[in-house]
Amino acid sequence: MPDPSVKRDYYDVLGVAQGAGESDVKRAFRRLARELHPDVNAHDPEAEAKFKEAAEAYEVLSDPGRRERYDRYGHEGLRAGGWAPPDFGNDAFSGIFEALFGQAGFDPFGGGRAGAMQGGDAGAAVELSLVQAAAGAAVEVSYERIARCEHCSGNGAEPGTPIETCSRCGGSGQLEAVTRTPFGQMMRRAVCDRCGGDGRVAREPCARCRGVGRVAESARVSVDVPAGIEDGQRIRIAGRGHEGERGGPAGDLYVSVRVRADERFVRDGDDLVTVVDIPAPLAALGTTVEIPTLDGSEQLEIVPGTQPSSVIVLRGQGMPALRRRGSGDLRVVVNVVVPRRLSDEQRDLLEQLSSTITAENLRSDENVFQRLKRAIGG
């Protein structure tokens, strides 16, 4: 946190060179103002102090007279000349933003009478198996949202009691104030802090929502998860987020989907990959093995002479393509297993076999580049 008793160099605070022009100084402060404003950095307890430090630096470096005195004599020269940093309160923050960005720019404190405001988005999560993700599923999701208070129908008043004109703003929903900024005094309007800009207040606030018109509640919604969805993707459900203010529309609900790992498969886009272990003698002779698929087990023929890391492709037996036709493939990688422990009889048989194998038995139809590619898993 910046120590107010230790003044940093104003050029370092804004991140500009000593010879920077007026436009460079203003551009640097605009960037810092957006980043450091306390209203958008509620999580950072140092944000307000950093913002005040940047605003103080800008007030000095944007004024030619103050900047010249600072360049010649530093902080002591400014104090000796009678200048003191302004008191940057919330109103001053807003004045700075209005002067820098205009009413159409970034205005953290609002301005003008508050109208309908859309509610924020809500979030939820759902977990599926790979089989469910392949088939698609309708799942119930629970989540927390801000909803309209049914006790008062959202108007904030206890049923049967009147809603009156706000005495603080006279029903305009606005308050006017004169604030001091680095650019002089400025008249600005702010939303009334009593009525929240509505211009009206309940004589007797709703007992359930305490006059807010909205309450927190647990909600449930059925989510249609499309076939082929991937882990980490989100589903948007319009209008099921937090209720808007003053009659504004509700936000959206975003459901994050987690697809559990399946020990039988590795997913590669729309393709699935599985591995089958084949003893070396059976890879040479050929055999039939059982492999997993999304629809259950299936018999797969291993042709004689199948080589290690060979890939057998079953077309269309992978994951469905998300929101389009077709499916990926199931790729079966053949892992030829060499026996580690042999009985005396097995050793004798293998020795007899090895004595009969010739170069002709080992000849491959692949060239050296194809063999190398297969060996490294290409």
Protein backbone atom coordinates (compact mmCIF):
# COMPACT_ATOMS: atom_id res chain seq x y z
CA MET A 1 0.00 0.00 0.00
CA PRO A 2 1.42 3.45 -0.84
CA ASP A 3 2.71 5.14 2.33
CA PRO A 4 1.32 8.73 2.39
CA SER A 5 4.33 9.84 4.43
CA VAL A 6 6.73 8.73 1.67
CA LYS A 7 6.04 10.47 -1.63
CA ARG A 8 6.90 8.50 -4.74
CA ASP A 9 8.08 10.25 -7.87
CA TYR A 10 4.98 11.36 -9.78
CA TYR A 11 6.44 10.22 -13.10
CA ASP A 12 7.01 6.75 -11.65
CA VAL A 13 3.47 6.66 -10.29
CA LEU A 14 1.98 7.26 -13.75
CA GLY A 15 4.66 5.24 -15.53
CA VAL A 16 5.75 8.02 -17.91
CA ALA A 17 9.10 9.60 -18.74
CA GLN A 18 9.96 13.04 -17.36
CA GLY A 19 9.70 14.56 -20.81
CA ALA A 20 6.30 13.00 -21.56
CA GLY A 21 3.80 15.23 -23.32
CA GLU A 22 0.40 16.27 -21.99
CA SER A 23 -1.41 13.61 -24.04
CA ASP A 24 0.94 10.88 -22.74
CA VAL A 25 0.30 11.93 -19.14
CA LYS A 26 -3.45 11.95 -19.65
CA ARG A 27 -3.37 8.59 -21.45
CA ALA A 28 -1.36 7.03 -18.62
CA PHE A 29 -3.77 8.33 -16.00
CA ARG A 30 -6.81 7.16 -17.96
CA ARG A 31 -5.36 3.65 -18.00
CA LEU A 32 -4.55 3.67 -14.28
CA ALA A 33 -7.92 5.19 -13.39
CA ARG A 34 -9.74 2.34 -15.09
CA GLU A 35 -7.54 -0.26 -13.41
CA LEU A 36 -7.43 1.18 -9.89
CA HIS A 37 -10.85 2.67 -9.26
CA PRO A 38 -12.01 1.27 -5.89
CA ASP A 39 -15.48 0.47 -7.22
CA VAL A 40 -14.09 -2.08 -9.66
CA ASN A 41 -11.39 -3.35 -7.27
CA ALA A 42 -13.42 -4.14 -4.17
CA HIS A 43 -11.22 -7.21 -3.67
CA ASP A 44 -8.06 -5.07 -3.41
CA PRO A 45 -7.82 -3.15 -0.11
CA GLU A 46 -5.02 -1.03 -1.56
CA ALA A 47 -6.97 0.10 -4.63
CA GLU A 48 -8.28 3.34 -3.12
CA ALA A 49 -4.86 4.46 -1.89
CA LYS A 50 -3.28 3.65 -5.26
CA PHE A 51 -6.03 5.55 -7.07
CA LYS A 52 -5.56 8.63 -4.87
CA GLU A 53 -1.81 8.51 -5.47
CA ALA A 54 -2.34 8.37 -9.24
CA ALA A 55 -4.90 11.21 -9.13
CA GLU A 56 -2.52 13.36 -7.10
CA ALA A 57 0.28 12.72 -9.60
CA TYR A 58 -2.01 13.59 -12.49
CA GLU A 59 -3.15 16.86 -10.88
CA VAL A 60 0.46 17.98 -10.64
CA LEU A 61 1.78 16.76 -13.99
CA SER A 62 -1.25 17.95 -15.98
CA ASP A 63 -0.83 21.55 -14.74
CA PRO A 64 2.12 23.31 -16.49
CA GLY A 65 2.86 25.61 -13.52
CA ARG A 66 2.79 22.88 -10.90
CA ARG A 67 4.75 20.52 -13.15
CA GLU A 68 7.53 23.08 -13.71
CA ARG A 69 7.82 23.74 -9.96
CA TYR A 70 7.85 19.99 -9.26
CA ASP A 71 10.54 19.37 -11.92
CA ARG A 72 12.74 22.05 -10.34
CA TYR A 73 12.15 21.56 -6.62
CA GLY A 74 10.32 18.24 -6.17
CA HIS A 75 7.68 17.58 -3.51
CA GLU A 76 9.20 20.12 -1.10
CA GLY A 77 8.87 22.82 -3.70
CA LEU A 78 5.15 22.13 -4.13
CA ARG A 79 4.55 22.29 -0.39
CA ALA A 80 6.60 25.48 -0.04
CA GLY A 81 4.50 27.02 -2.79
CA GLY A 82 1.32 26.37 -0.81
CA TRP A 83 -0.02 23.44 -2.84
CA ALA A 84 -1.59 20.51 -1.00
CA PRO A 85 -3.07 17.29 -2.40
CA PRO A 86 -6.88 17.42 -2.67
CA ASP A 87 -9.16 15.26 -0.56
CA PHE A 88 -10.32 12.64 -3.05
CA GLY A 89 -13.63 11.36 -1.78
CA ASN A 90 -16.15 9.29 -3.76
CA ASP A 91 -17.68 12.39 -5.33
CA ALA A 92 -14.25 13.50 -6.52
CA PHE A 93 -13.63 10.07 -8.01
CA SER A 94 -16.78 10.43 -10.07
CA GLY A 95 -15.85 13.95 -11.12
CA ILE A 96 -12.50 12.75 -12.39
CA PHE A 97 -14.16 10.00 -14.43
CA GLU A 98 -16.75 12.35 -15.89
CA ALA A 99 -14.02 14.78 -16.92
CA LEU A 100 -11.81 12.08 -18.41
CA PHE A 101 -14.35 9.77 -20.04
CA GLY A 102 -17.53 11.83 -20.38
CA GLN A 103 -21.04 10.73 -19.48
CA ALA A 104 -20.98 8.08 -22.22
CA GLY A 105 -17.72 6.63 -20.88
CA PHE A 106 -16.99 4.58 -17.80
CA ASP A 107 -18.98 6.06 -14.90
CA PRO A 108 -18.60 3.93 -11.77
CA PHE A 109 -21.16 5.91 -9.79
CA GLY A 110 -23.92 5.97 -12.41
CA GLY A 111 -25.72 9.22 -13.06
CA GLY A 112 -29.22 10.29 -13.83
CA ARG A 113 -32.37 8.65 -12.61
CA ALA A 114 -32.07 4.91 -12.25
CA GLY A 115 -34.30 2.93 -14.58
CA ALA A 116 -34.81 -0.75 -15.16
CA MET A 117 -31.60 -2.73 -14.76
CA GLN A 118 -30.94 -6.21 -16.06
CA GLY A 119 -30.11 -8.82 -13.45
CA GLY A 120 -26.73 -10.49 -13.23
CA ASP A 121 -25.87 -13.91 -14.58
CA ALA A 122 -25.92 -16.95 -12.30
CA GLY A 123 -23.77 -20.06 -12.44
CA ALA A 124 -24.25 -23.76 -11.78
CA ALA A 125 -22.39 -26.98 -12.52
CA VAL A 126 -23.34 -30.49 -13.56
CA GLU A 127 -21.27 -33.70 -13.79
CA LEU A 128 -21.87 -36.42 -16.37
CA SER A 129 -20.33 -39.74 -17.33
CA LEU A 130 -18.79 -40.12 -20.76
CA VAL A 131 -21.69 -42.37 -21.79
CA GLN A 132 -24.19 -39.66 -20.76
CA ALA A 133 -22.20 -37.05 -22.66
CA ALA A 134 -22.32 -39.29 -25.74
CA ALA A 135 -26.06 -39.89 -25.55
CA GLY A 136 -27.15 -36.48 -24.27
CA ALA A 137 -29.14 -36.14 -21.07
CA ALA A 138 -31.77 -34.07 -19.28
CA VAL A 139 -30.49 -33.27 -15.79
CA GLU A 140 -31.86 -31.30 -12.85
CA VAL A 141 -29.56 -28.52 -11.64
CA SER A 142 -29.84 -26.68 -8.32
CA TYR A 143 -28.42 -23.18 -7.86
CA GLU A 144 -28.87 -19.93 -5.91
CA ARG A 145 -30.41 -16.85 -7.49
CA ILE A 146 -31.86 -13.46 -6.62
CA ALA A 147 -35.59 -13.55 -7.34
CA ARG A 148 -38.49 -11.12 -7.11
CA CYS A 149 -40.03 -11.00 -3.66
CA GLU A 150 -43.48 -12.55 -4.00
CA HIS A 151 -44.65 -11.08 -0.69
CA CYS A 152 -44.54 -7.51 -2.01
CA SER A 153 -44.60 -8.34 -5.76
CA GLY A 154 -41.20 -6.69 -6.06
CA ASN A 155 -42.21 -3.14 -5.10
CA GLY A 156 -40.53 -3.25 -1.67
CA ALA A 157 -43.61 -2.20 0.32
CA GLU A 158 -45.52 -4.24 2.85
CA PRO A 159 -48.80 -5.23 1.16
CA GLY A 160 -51.53 -2.67 1.80
CA THR A 161 -49.12 0.17 2.63
CA PRO A 162 -48.44 3.19 0.36
CA ILE A 163 -45.34 4.04 -1.67
CA GLU A 164 -44.49 7.73 -1.27
CA THR A 165 -42.41 10.32 -3.08
CA CYS A 166 -38.84 10.37 -1.78
CA SER A 167 -38.40 13.35 0.52
CA ARG A 168 -34.64 13.53 -0.05
CA CYS A 169 -34.64 13.98 -3.84
CA GLY A 170 -38.23 15.22 -4.25
CA GLY A 171 -39.07 12.35 -6.54
CA SER A 172 -36.39 13.06 -9.15
CA GLY A 173 -34.20 10.14 -8.13
CA GLN A 174 -31.17 12.45 -8.33
CA LEU A 175 -29.04 14.51 -5.99
CA GLU A 176 -26.85 17.40 -7.11
CA ALA A 177 -23.52 18.19 -5.52
CA VAL A 178 -20.53 20.45 -6.15
CA THR A 179 -17.26 18.54 -5.95
CA ARG A 180 -13.62 19.51 -6.16
CA THR A 181 -11.56 17.69 -8.81
CA PRO A 182 -8.14 18.21 -10.36
CA PHE A 183 -10.03 20.21 -13.02
CA GLY A 184 -11.71 22.63 -10.62
CA GLN A 185 -15.19 22.62 -9.14
CA MET A 186 -17.76 20.52 -10.92
CA MET A 187 -21.51 20.18 -10.59
CA ARG A 188 -22.60 16.60 -10.87
CA ARG A 189 -25.70 14.51 -10.40
CA ALA A 190 -25.77 11.27 -8.47
CA VAL A 191 -28.42 8.66 -7.80
CA CYS A 192 -30.32 9.39 -4.61
CA ASP A 193 -28.97 7.24 -1.81
CA ARG A 194 -32.37 6.99 -0.09
CA CYS A 195 -34.60 5.79 -2.91
CA GLY A 196 -31.88 4.28 -5.13
CA GLY A 197 -32.91 6.51 -8.04
CA ASP A 198 -36.53 5.37 -8.13
CA GLY A 199 -37.90 8.62 -6.74
CA ARG A 200 -40.26 6.72 -4.43
CA VAL A 201 -39.89 4.92 -1.12
CA ALA A 202 -42.13 2.55 0.79
CA ARG A 203 -43.68 3.99 3.91
CA GLU A 204 -43.49 0.53 5.47
CA PRO A 205 -40.77 -1.69 3.92
CA CYS A 206 -41.66 -5.28 3.08
CA ALA A 207 -41.06 -7.53 6.07
CA ARG A 208 -39.64 -10.31 3.90
CA CYS A 209 -37.21 -8.45 1.62
CA ARG A 210 -36.74 -5.35 3.84
CA GLY A 211 -37.79 -3.06 1.04
CA VAL A 212 -35.36 -4.32 -1.56
CA GLY A 213 -37.99 -6.08 -3.68
CA ARG A 214 -35.77 -9.10 -4.27
CA VAL A 215 -34.74 -12.09 -2.16
CA ALA A 216 -32.22 -14.91 -2.38
CA GLU A 217 -33.71 -18.32 -3.12
CA SER A 218 -32.75 -21.82 -4.17
CA ALA A 219 -33.88 -22.70 -7.68
CA ARG A 220 -33.97 -25.82 -9.82
CA VAL A 221 -33.99 -26.08 -13.57
CA SER A 222 -33.95 -28.95 -16.06
CA VAL A 223 -31.00 -28.70 -18.43
CA ASP A 224 -30.91 -30.47 -21.79
CA VAL A 225 -27.29 -31.48 -22.29
CA PRO A 226 -26.64 -32.06 -26.00
CA ALA A 227 -24.99 -35.26 -27.20
CA GLY A 228 -21.26 -34.87 -27.81
CA ILE A 229 -20.62 -32.11 -25.26
CA GLU A 230 -17.04 -31.84 -24.01
CA ASP A 231 -15.64 -31.37 -20.53
CA GLY A 232 -15.50 -27.67 -19.56
CA GLN A 233 -18.11 -26.41 -22.01
CA ARG A 234 -20.99 -24.25 -20.77
CA ILE A 235 -24.69 -24.20 -21.53
CA ARG A 236 -26.54 -20.87 -21.47
CA ILE A 237 -30.16 -20.77 -20.31
CA ALA A 238 -31.64 -17.36 -21.04
CA GLY A 239 -33.61 -15.57 -18.35
CA ARG A 240 -32.88 -18.00 -15.52
CA GLY A 241 -30.25 -15.86 -13.78
CA HIS A 242 -30.73 -13.16 -11.14
CA GLU A 243 -33.89 -11.05 -11.29
CA GLY A 244 -33.44 -7.54 -12.66
CA GLU A 245 -34.01 -4.38 -10.65
CA ARG A 246 -36.98 -2.05 -11.09
CA GLY A 247 -38.65 -4.34 -13.58
CA GLY A 248 -35.52 -5.10 -15.59
CA PRO A 249 -35.10 -8.50 -17.27
CA ALA A 250 -33.43 -11.38 -15.49
CA GLY A 251 -29.87 -12.39 -16.32
CA ASP A 252 -28.89 -15.75 -17.76
CA LEU A 253 -27.85 -19.02 -16.15
CA TYR A 254 -24.56 -20.57 -17.27
CA VAL A 255 -24.19 -24.27 -16.51
CA SER A 256 -20.63 -25.61 -16.56
CA VAL A 257 -20.44 -29.24 -17.68
CA ARG A 258 -17.86 -31.63 -16.29
CA VAL A 259 -17.47 -34.98 -18.04
CA ARG A 260 -15.92 -37.59 -15.76
CA ALA A 261 -12.92 -39.49 -17.05
CA ASP A 262 -13.68 -43.01 -18.30
CA GLU A 263 -10.92 -45.53 -17.58
CA ARG A 264 -11.74 -47.39 -20.80
CA PHE A 265 -11.24 -44.48 -23.21
CA VAL A 266 -9.21 -41.39 -23.95
CA ARG A 267 -11.16 -38.72 -25.83
CA ASP A 268 -9.52 -36.98 -28.77
CA GLY A 269 -12.02 -34.48 -30.13
CA ASP A 270 -14.89 -36.61 -31.44
CA ASP A 271 -12.72 -39.75 -31.53
CA LEU A 272 -12.27 -42.24 -28.72
CA VAL A 273 -9.06 -44.20 -28.19
CA THR A 274 -8.76 -47.49 -26.31
CA VAL A 275 -5.95 -50.03 -25.88
CA VAL A 276 -6.15 -53.83 -26.08
CA ASP A 277 -3.36 -56.11 -24.82
CA ILE A 278 -2.47 -59.06 -27.10
CA PRO A 279 0.14 -61.71 -26.19
CA ALA A 280 2.90 -61.78 -28.78
CA PRO A 281 2.13 -65.36 -29.99
CA LEU A 282 -1.54 -64.49 -30.58
CA ALA A 283 -0.55 -61.31 -32.44
CA ALA A 284 1.45 -63.56 -34.76
CA LEU A 285 -1.26 -66.21 -35.12
CA GLY A 286 -4.30 -63.92 -35.12
CA THR A 287 -7.15 -64.03 -32.62
CA THR A 288 -10.44 -62.47 -31.55
CA VAL A 289 -10.60 -60.19 -28.50
CA GLU A 290 -13.29 -58.34 -26.61
CA ILE A 291 -13.10 -54.54 -26.65
CA PRO A 292 -15.21 -51.85 -24.94
CA THR A 293 -17.46 -49.52 -26.91
CA LEU A 294 -19.96 -46.87 -25.82
CA ASP A 295 -22.74 -49.40 -26.42
CA GLY A 296 -21.11 -52.29 -24.55
CA SER A 297 -18.56 -54.94 -25.41
CA GLU A 298 -17.80 -56.06 -28.95
CA GLN A 299 -15.67 -58.79 -30.53
CA LEU A 300 -12.74 -57.54 -32.62
CA GLU A 301 -10.70 -59.68 -35.00
CA ILE A 302 -6.93 -59.39 -34.76
CA VAL A 303 -5.42 -60.50 -38.05
CA PRO A 304 -2.29 -62.73 -38.07
CA GLY A 305 0.95 -60.79 -37.97
CA THR A 306 -0.52 -57.70 -36.27
CA GLN A 307 2.38 -55.47 -35.20
CA PRO A 308 2.84 -53.58 -31.91
CA SER A 309 1.05 -50.19 -31.78
CA SER A 310 -1.09 -51.04 -34.79
CA VAL A 311 -4.32 -49.04 -34.80
CA ILE A 312 -7.63 -50.58 -35.82
CA VAL A 313 -10.28 -47.94 -36.63
CA LEU A 314 -13.97 -48.60 -36.07
CA ARG A 315 -15.74 -45.92 -38.07
CA GLY A 316 -18.55 -43.97 -36.44
CA GLN A 317 -18.19 -45.55 -33.00
CA GLY A 318 -16.73 -42.48 -31.30
CA MET A 319 -18.51 -39.43 -29.82
CA PRO A 320 -21.37 -37.74 -31.66
CA ALA A 321 -20.39 -34.45 -33.29
CA LEU A 322 -21.83 -31.60 -31.21
CA ARG A 323 -24.79 -29.93 -32.97
CA ARG A 324 -23.99 -31.46 -36.35
CA ARG A 325 -24.39 -34.81 -38.04
CA GLY A 326 -22.00 -37.71 -37.78
CA SER A 327 -19.78 -39.23 -35.14
CA GLY A 328 -16.10 -39.70 -34.57
CA ASP A 329 -14.26 -43.02 -34.69
CA LEU A 330 -13.15 -45.55 -32.10
CA ARG A 331 -9.41 -46.16 -32.48
CA VAL A 332 -8.16 -49.42 -30.97
CA VAL A 333 -4.41 -49.45 -30.29
CA VAL A 334 -2.94 -52.96 -30.24
CA ASN A 335 -0.43 -53.39 -27.42
CA VAL A 336 1.57 -56.54 -28.17
CA VAL A 337 2.68 -57.91 -24.80
CA VAL A 338 5.88 -59.95 -24.48
CA PRO A 339 5.67 -62.54 -21.65
CA ARG A 340 7.97 -61.75 -18.71
CA ARG A 341 7.84 -65.02 -16.75
CA LEU A 342 8.05 -68.35 -18.58
CA SER A 343 7.78 -71.92 -17.38
CA ASP A 344 10.42 -74.41 -18.54
CA GLU A 345 7.97 -75.87 -21.03
CA GLN A 346 7.12 -72.44 -22.47
CA ARG A 347 10.78 -71.57 -22.76
CA ASP A 348 11.49 -74.80 -24.64
CA LEU A 349 8.62 -74.14 -27.05
CA LEU A 350 9.76 -70.58 -27.73
CA GLU A 351 13.32 -71.75 -28.31
CA GLN A 352 12.06 -74.29 -30.80
CA LEU A 353 10.02 -71.59 -32.52
CA SER A 354 12.86 -69.04 -32.62
CA SER A 355 15.17 -71.58 -34.25
CA THR A 356 12.77 -71.89 -37.14
CA ILE A 357 12.17 -68.16 -37.78
CA THR A 358 14.01 -66.77 -40.79
CA ALA A 359 14.39 -63.32 -42.32
CA GLU A 360 11.53 -64.19 -44.64
CA ASN A 361 9.21 -64.52 -41.62
CA LEU A 362 10.20 -61.02 -40.45
CA ARG A 363 9.87 -59.26 -43.79
CA SER A 364 7.47 -56.31 -43.66
CA ASP A 365 5.42 -54.64 -46.38
CA GLU A 366 6.29 -51.27 -44.81
CA ASN A 367 9.32 -49.22 -45.79
CA VAL A 368 11.72 -47.86 -43.18
CA PHE A 369 9.93 -44.52 -42.89
CA GLN A 370 6.54 -46.19 -42.32
CA ARG A 371 8.04 -48.47 -39.67
CA LEU A 372 9.69 -45.54 -37.93
CA LYS A 373 6.45 -43.53 -37.97
CA ARG A 374 4.51 -46.44 -36.45
CA ALA A 375 7.19 -47.06 -33.84
CA ILE A 376 7.03 -43.47 -32.53
CA GLY A 377 3.24 -43.45 -32.57
CA GLY A 378 2.77 -41.22 -35.61
